[in-house]
Structure formats: structure tokens, C-alpha cells
C-alpha atoms as a PDB file:
ATOM      1  CA  SER A   1    -150.055  54.772 108.817  1.00  0.00           C
ATOM      2  CA  ILE A   2    -150.704  50.834 107.073  1.00  0.00           C
ATOM      3  CA  GLU A   3    -153.220  48.713 109.158  1.00  0.00           C
ATOM      4  CA  ASN A   4    -154.447  45.117 108.565  1.00  0.00           C
ATOM      5  CA  GLY A   5    -153.611  46.367 104.703  1.00  0.00           C
ATOM      6  CA  LYS A   6    -154.756  49.344 104.453  1.00  0.00           C
ATOM      7  CA  PHE A   7    -153.861  53.156 103.728  1.00  0.00           C
ATOM      8  CA  LYS A   8    -155.001  55.842 106.793  1.00  0.00           C
ATOM      9  CA  VAL A   9    -154.327  59.071 107.106  1.00  0.00           C
ATOM     10  CA  ARG A  10    -155.577  61.711 109.789  1.00  0.00           C
ATOM     11  CA  VAL A  11    -156.457  65.500 109.574  1.00  0.00           C
ATOM     12  CA  ARG A  12    -155.910  66.642 113.016  1.00  0.00           C
ATOM     13  CA  TYR A  13    -156.110  70.071 112.721  1.00  0.00           C
ATOM     14  CA  GLY A  14    -157.939  70.879 109.649  1.00  0.00           C
ATOM     15  CA  THR A  15    -159.527  74.857 108.754  1.00  0.00           C
ATOM     16  CA  SER A  16    -162.714  76.138 106.400  1.00  0.00           C
ATOM     17  CA  SER A  17    -164.108  79.307 106.383  1.00  0.00           C
ATOM     18  CA  THR A  18    -167.401  77.338 105.527  1.00  0.00           C
ATOM     19  CA  TRP A  19    -166.552  74.450 108.023  1.00  0.00           C
ATOM     20  CA  GLY A  20    -164.289  76.266 110.685  1.00  0.00           C
ATOM     21  CA  ASN A  21    -162.510  73.434 112.535  1.00  0.00           C
ATOM     22  CA  PHE A  22    -162.673  69.859 111.708  1.00  0.00           C
ATOM     23  CA  GLY A  23    -160.754  66.897 112.151  1.00  0.00           C
ATOM     24  CA  GLY A  24    -159.276  64.854 115.159  1.00  0.00           C
ATOM     25  CA  GLU A  25    -158.537  61.566 116.057  1.00  0.00           C
ATOM     26  CA  SER A  26    -162.046  60.309 114.581  1.00  0.00           C
ATOM     27  CA  PHE A  27    -161.327  61.994 111.357  1.00  0.00           C
ATOM     28  CA  VAL A  28    -159.779  58.692 109.220  1.00  0.00           C
ATOM     29  CA  VAL A  29    -159.844  58.068 105.944  1.00  0.00           C
ATOM     30  CA  ASP A  30    -158.408  55.271 104.900  1.00  0.00           C
ATOM     31  CA  CYS A  31    -158.402  53.095 101.261  1.00  0.00           C
ATOM     32  CA  PRO A  32    -156.345  49.503 100.108  1.00  0.00           C
ATOM     33  CA  ALA A  33    -152.513  49.659 100.511  1.00  0.00           C
ATOM     34  CA  ARG A  34    -150.246  49.377  98.202  1.00  0.00           C
ATOM     35  CA  MET A  35    -147.550  48.793  99.677  1.00  0.00           C
ATOM     36  CA  PRO A  36    -146.552  46.560 103.184  1.00  0.00           C
ATOM     37  CA  ASN A  37    -145.116  50.027 104.765  1.00  0.00           C
ATOM     38  CA  LEU A  38    -144.381  53.550 104.603  1.00  0.00           C
ATOM     39  CA  ALA A  39    -140.381  53.083 104.795  1.00  0.00           C
ATOM     40  CA  THR A  40    -140.700  55.071 100.982  1.00  0.00           C
ATOM     41  CA  TYR A  41    -143.246  57.184 101.678  1.00  0.00           C
ATOM     42  CA  SER A  42    -142.598  60.827 100.022  1.00  0.00           C
ATOM     43  CA  PRO A  43    -144.803  64.138 100.717  1.00  0.00           C
ATOM     44  CA  THR A  44    -144.481  64.683  96.846  1.00  0.00           C
ATOM     45  CA  VAL A  45    -146.400  62.095  96.264  1.00  0.00           C
ATOM     46  CA  SER A  46    -149.538  63.071  98.684  1.00  0.00           C
ATOM     47  CA  THR A  47    -149.326  66.375  96.835  1.00  0.00           C
ATOM     48  CA  THR A  48    -149.105  65.086  93.349  1.00  0.00           C
ATOM     49  CA  LYS A  49    -151.985  62.774  93.512  1.00  0.00           C
ATOM     50  CA  SER A  50    -154.240  65.085  95.731  1.00  0.00           C
ATOM     51  CA  ARG A  51    -156.994  67.093  94.503  1.00  0.00           C
ATOM     52  CA  VAL A  52    -160.306  68.783  95.271  1.00  0.00           C
ATOM     53  CA  ALA A  53    -162.907  67.146  93.270  1.00  0.00           C
ATOM     54  CA  PHE A  54    -165.963  68.793  94.530  1.00  0.00           C
ATOM     55  CA  ALA A  55    -166.755  72.766  94.113  1.00  0.00           C
ATOM     56  CA  ALA A  56    -163.085  73.972  93.365  1.00  0.00           C
ATOM     57  CA  HIS A  57    -164.540  77.378  92.844  1.00  0.00           C
ATOM     58  CA  ARG A  58    -165.183  77.801  96.725  1.00  0.00           C
ATOM     59  CA  VAL A  59    -162.237  76.682  97.130  1.00  0.00           C
ATOM     60  CA  GLU A  60    -158.940  79.706  98.003  1.00  0.00           C
ATOM     61  CA  HIS A  61    -155.917  76.847  99.023  1.00  0.00           C
ATOM     62  CA  PHE A  62    -154.907  73.832  99.971  1.00  0.00           C
ATOM     63  CA  VAL A  63    -152.030  72.487 101.852  1.00  0.00           C
ATOM     64  CA  MET A  64    -150.326  69.998 103.486  1.00  0.00           C
ATOM     65  CA  LYS A  65    -148.989  72.061 106.305  1.00  0.00           C
ATOM     66  CA  ARG A  66    -146.830  69.471 108.954  1.00  0.00           C
ATOM     67  CA  ILE A  67    -145.987  65.556 108.327  1.00  0.00           C
ATOM     68  CA  ARG A  68    -145.370  63.981 111.307  1.00  0.00           C
ATOM     69  CA  TYR A  69    -143.924  60.303 110.604  1.00  0.00           C
ATOM     70  CA  TYR A  70    -144.872  57.385 113.294  1.00  0.00           C
ATOM     71  CA  GLN A  71    -142.754  53.921 114.092  1.00  0.00           C
ATOM     72  CA  ASN A  72    -144.526  51.990 116.727  1.00  0.00           C
ATOM     73  CA  GLY A  73    -146.592  54.593 118.138  1.00  0.00           C
ATOM     74  CA  ASP A  74    -143.327  57.130 118.503  1.00  0.00           C
ATOM     75  CA  LEU A  75    -143.222  60.250 116.802  1.00  0.00           C
ATOM     76  CA  VAL A  76    -139.611  59.866 114.842  1.00  0.00           C
ATOM     77  CA  GLN A  77    -139.787  62.747 112.401  1.00  0.00           C
ATOM     78  CA  PHE A  78    -141.425  66.181 111.961  1.00  0.00           C
ATOM     79  CA  ASP A  79    -141.788  68.264 108.809  1.00  0.00           C
ATOM     80  CA  PRO A  80    -143.005  71.686 108.974  1.00  0.00           C
ATOM     81  CA  THR A  81    -142.715  72.452 105.081  1.00  0.00           C
ATOM     82  CA  ASP A  82    -145.567  74.225 103.388  1.00  0.00           C
ATOM     83  CA  ARG A  83    -146.911  71.882 100.131  1.00  0.00           C
ATOM     84  CA  GLN A  84    -149.190  73.561  98.102  1.00  0.00           C
ATOM     85  CA  VAL A  85    -151.808  71.433  96.343  1.00  0.00           C
ATOM     86  CA  TYR A  86    -154.232  73.564  95.196  1.00  0.00           C
ATOM     87  CA  PRO A  87    -154.429  75.937  93.441  1.00  0.00           C
ATOM     88  CA  PRO A  88    -151.589  73.462  91.501  1.00  0.00           C
ATOM     89  CA  GLN A  89    -148.402  75.062  91.199  1.00  0.00           C
ATOM     90  CA  GLU A  90    -147.061  76.124  87.599  1.00  0.00           C
END
């Protein structure tokens, strides 16, 4: 979502062999938004710009599993396509 000029991303159902399950309502990351809304959002941008920045030798894979599109708090679209982030597709 974009709220008050900030782009917010929530991880709901993350899982890790080290951390176990993580995410939920309070697992939110934000950064300054470069656009007023997400009308032109593409999951390809997220997979292209995402990376494993620390201890990549410990990461087997990083996959975006589900994308949900909300408008005014209502789910308007669901995309269950798996998108591999790491290791990068060749």
C-alpha cells in the first residue's frame, strides 16, 4: 500500500528453516513512495529489485508466492504465481 507518502509491504506467511514461521500483521517494512498509487504496479519490478543482501550462502531460495491487490481495504485481485527471486533466474 501507499500511505502518507510511504510504500508499505507486509509479509504475512514467511517461513525459514532458521527462523521458523514469521510475518503477520506487525511485520511491515516501509520506504518513501516514488508514485502516488499502485495503479501501475508490476510484480516483475518487485522480483527484479529484491535480493538477498546478507548471508546469501545460507539462503536456499527466496520466492514471492502470492500477490494480493486491495483497494480501499477490499481484496480485488489475487495472483498465486510463484516468482523466484533467489537464486536469480538465468
